[in-house]
Amino acid sequence: MCPVATQALFRSVHDWVPSGMPEPDERYTQQARSAWRSCLAELAVVVRAFGQLLRVEVEGTSVDGT
């Protein structure tokens, strides 16, 4: 589900950027960048955790190596 959500997220951005905005809105630029940074950082945590879960299932070991 995560890859599908990520693809949809970036597809929306890809479609939105070329169309431009009706008017420049510099008031929210820093807030938007901060929100994107947080969203992508949290997504990275989720993807890493999922990868770790898969590794544990395949290798048959726990997260701490026991």
Protein backbone atom coordinates (compact mmCIF):
# COMPACT_ATOMS: atom_id res chain seq x y z
CA MET A 1 0.00 0.00 0.00
CA CYS A 2 2.87 2.37 0.76
CA PRO A 3 4.25 2.26 -2.81
CA VAL A 4 0.81 3.02 -4.22
CA ALA A 5 0.30 5.96 -1.85
CA THR A 6 3.78 7.28 -2.62
CA GLN A 7 3.20 6.99 -6.34
CA ALA A 8 -0.13 8.80 -6.04
CA LEU A 9 1.50 11.54 -3.97
CA PHE A 10 4.28 12.18 -6.45
CA ARG A 11 1.96 11.85 -9.45
CA SER A 12 -0.24 14.57 -7.97
CA VAL A 13 2.79 16.82 -7.49
CA HIS A 14 4.00 16.03 -11.01
CA ASP A 15 0.63 16.96 -12.49
CA TRP A 16 0.29 20.09 -10.36
CA VAL A 17 3.72 21.67 -10.90
CA PRO A 18 3.57 22.17 -14.70
CA SER A 19 0.12 23.74 -14.46
CA GLY A 20 1.45 26.40 -12.11
CA MET A 21 -0.52 28.31 -9.57
CA PRO A 22 -3.13 30.90 -10.48
CA GLU A 23 -1.16 33.45 -8.52
CA PRO A 24 2.13 33.30 -6.64
CA ASP A 25 1.62 32.82 -2.93
CA GLU A 26 4.87 33.38 -1.10
CA ARG A 27 3.15 33.57 2.29
CA TYR A 28 2.99 29.79 2.65
CA THR A 29 6.20 28.74 0.88
CA GLN A 30 8.14 28.00 4.07
CA GLN A 31 5.17 26.24 5.66
CA ALA A 32 4.67 24.09 2.56
CA ARG A 33 8.36 23.16 2.45
CA SER A 34 8.31 22.29 6.12
CA ALA A 35 5.19 20.15 5.69
CA TRP A 36 6.73 18.30 2.73
CA ARG A 37 9.96 17.77 4.65
CA SER A 38 8.04 16.29 7.59
CA CYS A 39 5.85 14.14 5.37
CA LEU A 40 8.80 12.69 3.47
CA ALA A 41 10.82 12.14 6.66
CA GLU A 42 7.93 10.23 8.21
CA LEU A 43 7.47 8.24 5.00
CA ALA A 44 11.16 7.33 5.11
CA VAL A 45 10.76 6.05 8.67
CA VAL A 46 7.80 3.90 7.61
CA VAL A 47 9.61 2.46 4.59
CA ARG A 48 12.70 1.64 6.67
CA ALA A 49 10.57 -0.02 9.36
CA PHE A 50 8.75 -2.07 6.74
CA GLY A 51 12.07 -3.13 5.22
CA GLN A 52 13.30 -4.14 8.67
CA LEU A 53 10.12 -6.16 9.23
CA LEU A 54 10.61 -7.98 5.94
CA ARG A 55 14.24 -8.68 6.77
CA VAL A 56 13.28 -10.14 10.16
CA GLU A 57 10.62 -12.35 8.57
CA VAL A 58 13.00 -13.65 5.89
CA GLU A 59 16.03 -14.15 8.13
CA GLY A 60 14.00 -15.42 11.08
CA THR A 61 15.76 -13.17 13.58
CA SER A 62 14.46 -10.46 15.86
CA VAL A 63 15.16 -6.77 15.40
CA ASP A 64 17.95 -6.81 18.01
CA GLY A 65 19.63 -9.78 16.29
CA THR A 66 18.65 -12.54 18.70
